[in-house]
Amino acid sequence: MKKDAQKTITSKTTDELHVLRRTAQEKLSQMRFDLRAGKTANLKELRATKKEIAVISTIISQRKHE
């Protein structure tokens, strides 16, 4: 994830982050399903989505403890 994308994520509200994380999780689930079905082999996008979820979860957790 690029620094610019991370800064835009940081500027969002907690509710927006929850929606964004849920959307990314659904996307990851669909990508995993497609991977098993042989429809796609784009592992870079899969890894990037997992990292995006991790960054969003970290930001949510940090805000919860503030």
C-alpha atoms as a PDB file:
ATOM      1  CA  MET A   1       0.000   0.000   0.000  1.00  0.00           C
ATOM      2  CA  LYS A   2       1.376   3.370  -0.967  1.00  0.00           C
ATOM      3  CA  LYS A   3       1.860   6.196   1.513  1.00  0.00           C
ATOM      4  CA  ASP A   4      -0.809   8.335  -0.186  1.00  0.00           C
ATOM      5  CA  ALA A   5      -3.392   5.575   0.108  1.00  0.00           C
ATOM      6  CA  GLN A   6      -2.500   5.042   3.743  1.00  0.00           C
ATOM      7  CA  LYS A   7      -2.905   8.756   4.475  1.00  0.00           C
ATOM      8  CA  THR A   8      -6.370   8.800   2.910  1.00  0.00           C
ATOM      9  CA  ILE A   9      -7.359   5.770   4.983  1.00  0.00           C
ATOM     10  CA  THR A  10      -6.087   7.472   8.141  1.00  0.00           C
ATOM     11  CA  SER A  11      -8.239  10.533   7.453  1.00  0.00           C
ATOM     12  CA  LYS A  12     -11.488   8.507   7.352  1.00  0.00           C
ATOM     13  CA  THR A  13     -13.819   8.137  10.311  1.00  0.00           C
ATOM     14  CA  THR A  14     -14.019   4.905  12.272  1.00  0.00           C
ATOM     15  CA  ASP A  15     -17.425   4.033  10.793  1.00  0.00           C
ATOM     16  CA  GLU A  16     -16.084   4.531   7.277  1.00  0.00           C
ATOM     17  CA  LEU A  17     -13.129   2.305   8.145  1.00  0.00           C
ATOM     18  CA  HIS A  18     -15.458  -0.473   9.295  1.00  0.00           C
ATOM     19  CA  VAL A  19     -17.332  -0.294   5.987  1.00  0.00           C
ATOM     20  CA  LEU A  20     -14.068  -0.211   4.047  1.00  0.00           C
ATOM     21  CA  ARG A  21     -12.711  -3.226   5.934  1.00  0.00           C
ATOM     22  CA  ARG A  22     -15.914  -5.203   5.364  1.00  0.00           C
ATOM     23  CA  THR A  23     -15.786  -4.412   1.649  1.00  0.00           C
ATOM     24  CA  ALA A  24     -12.150  -5.499   1.447  1.00  0.00           C
ATOM     25  CA  GLN A  25     -12.950  -8.730   3.307  1.00  0.00           C
ATOM     26  CA  GLU A  26     -15.748  -9.516   0.853  1.00  0.00           C
ATOM     27  CA  LYS A  27     -13.389  -8.792  -2.046  1.00  0.00           C
ATOM     28  CA  LEU A  28     -10.761 -11.094  -0.519  1.00  0.00           C
ATOM     29  CA  SER A  29     -13.315 -13.846  -0.056  1.00  0.00           C
ATOM     30  CA  GLN A  30     -14.388 -13.584  -3.689  1.00  0.00           C
ATOM     31  CA  MET A  31     -10.768 -13.562  -4.862  1.00  0.00           C
ATOM     32  CA  ARG A  32     -10.012 -16.723  -2.862  1.00  0.00           C
ATOM     33  CA  PHE A  33     -13.072 -18.419  -4.338  1.00  0.00           C
ATOM     34  CA  ASP A  34     -12.024 -17.435  -7.866  1.00  0.00           C
ATOM     35  CA  LEU A  35      -8.482 -18.642  -7.194  1.00  0.00           C
ATOM     36  CA  ARG A  36      -9.710 -22.085  -6.165  1.00  0.00           C
ATOM     37  CA  ALA A  37     -12.050 -22.229  -9.147  1.00  0.00           C
ATOM     38  CA  GLY A  38      -9.152 -21.429 -11.472  1.00  0.00           C
ATOM     39  CA  LYS A  39     -10.651 -18.175 -12.719  1.00  0.00           C
ATOM     40  CA  THR A  40      -7.760 -15.988 -11.610  1.00  0.00           C
ATOM     41  CA  ALA A  41      -4.139 -16.319 -10.599  1.00  0.00           C
ATOM     42  CA  ASN A  42      -3.456 -12.726  -9.529  1.00  0.00           C
ATOM     43  CA  LEU A  43      -1.653 -13.350  -6.260  1.00  0.00           C
ATOM     44  CA  LYS A  44      -0.282  -9.805  -6.024  1.00  0.00           C
ATOM     45  CA  GLU A  45      -3.776  -8.369  -5.773  1.00  0.00           C
ATOM     46  CA  LEU A  46      -4.665 -10.995  -3.161  1.00  0.00           C
ATOM     47  CA  ARG A  47      -1.655 -10.027  -1.029  1.00  0.00           C
ATOM     48  CA  ALA A  48      -2.362  -6.317  -1.442  1.00  0.00           C
ATOM     49  CA  THR A  49      -5.949  -6.793  -0.272  1.00  0.00           C
ATOM     50  CA  LYS A  50      -4.771  -8.725   2.788  1.00  0.00           C
ATOM     51  CA  LYS A  51      -2.328  -5.926   3.628  1.00  0.00           C
ATOM     52  CA  GLU A  52      -5.053  -3.316   3.175  1.00  0.00           C
ATOM     53  CA  ILE A  53      -7.276  -5.199   5.637  1.00  0.00           C
ATOM     54  CA  ALA A  54      -4.390  -5.376   8.109  1.00  0.00           C
ATOM     55  CA  VAL A  55      -3.699  -1.636   7.876  1.00  0.00           C
ATOM     56  CA  ILE A  56      -7.369  -0.761   8.326  1.00  0.00           C
ATOM     57  CA  SER A  57      -7.687  -3.134  11.293  1.00  0.00           C
ATOM     58  CA  THR A  58      -4.596  -1.626  12.891  1.00  0.00           C
ATOM     59  CA  ILE A  59      -5.943   1.910  12.556  1.00  0.00           C
ATOM     60  CA  ILE A  60      -9.297   0.864  14.038  1.00  0.00           C
ATOM     61  CA  SER A  61      -7.521  -0.822  16.946  1.00  0.00           C
ATOM     62  CA  GLN A  62      -5.337   2.209  17.601  1.00  0.00           C
ATOM     63  CA  ARG A  63      -8.338   4.503  17.698  1.00  0.00           C
ATOM     64  CA  LYS A  64     -10.150   2.167  20.061  1.00  0.00           C
ATOM     65  CA  HIS A  65      -7.300   2.439  22.566  1.00  0.00           C
ATOM     66  CA  GLU A  66      -7.026   6.231  22.426  1.00  0.00           C
END
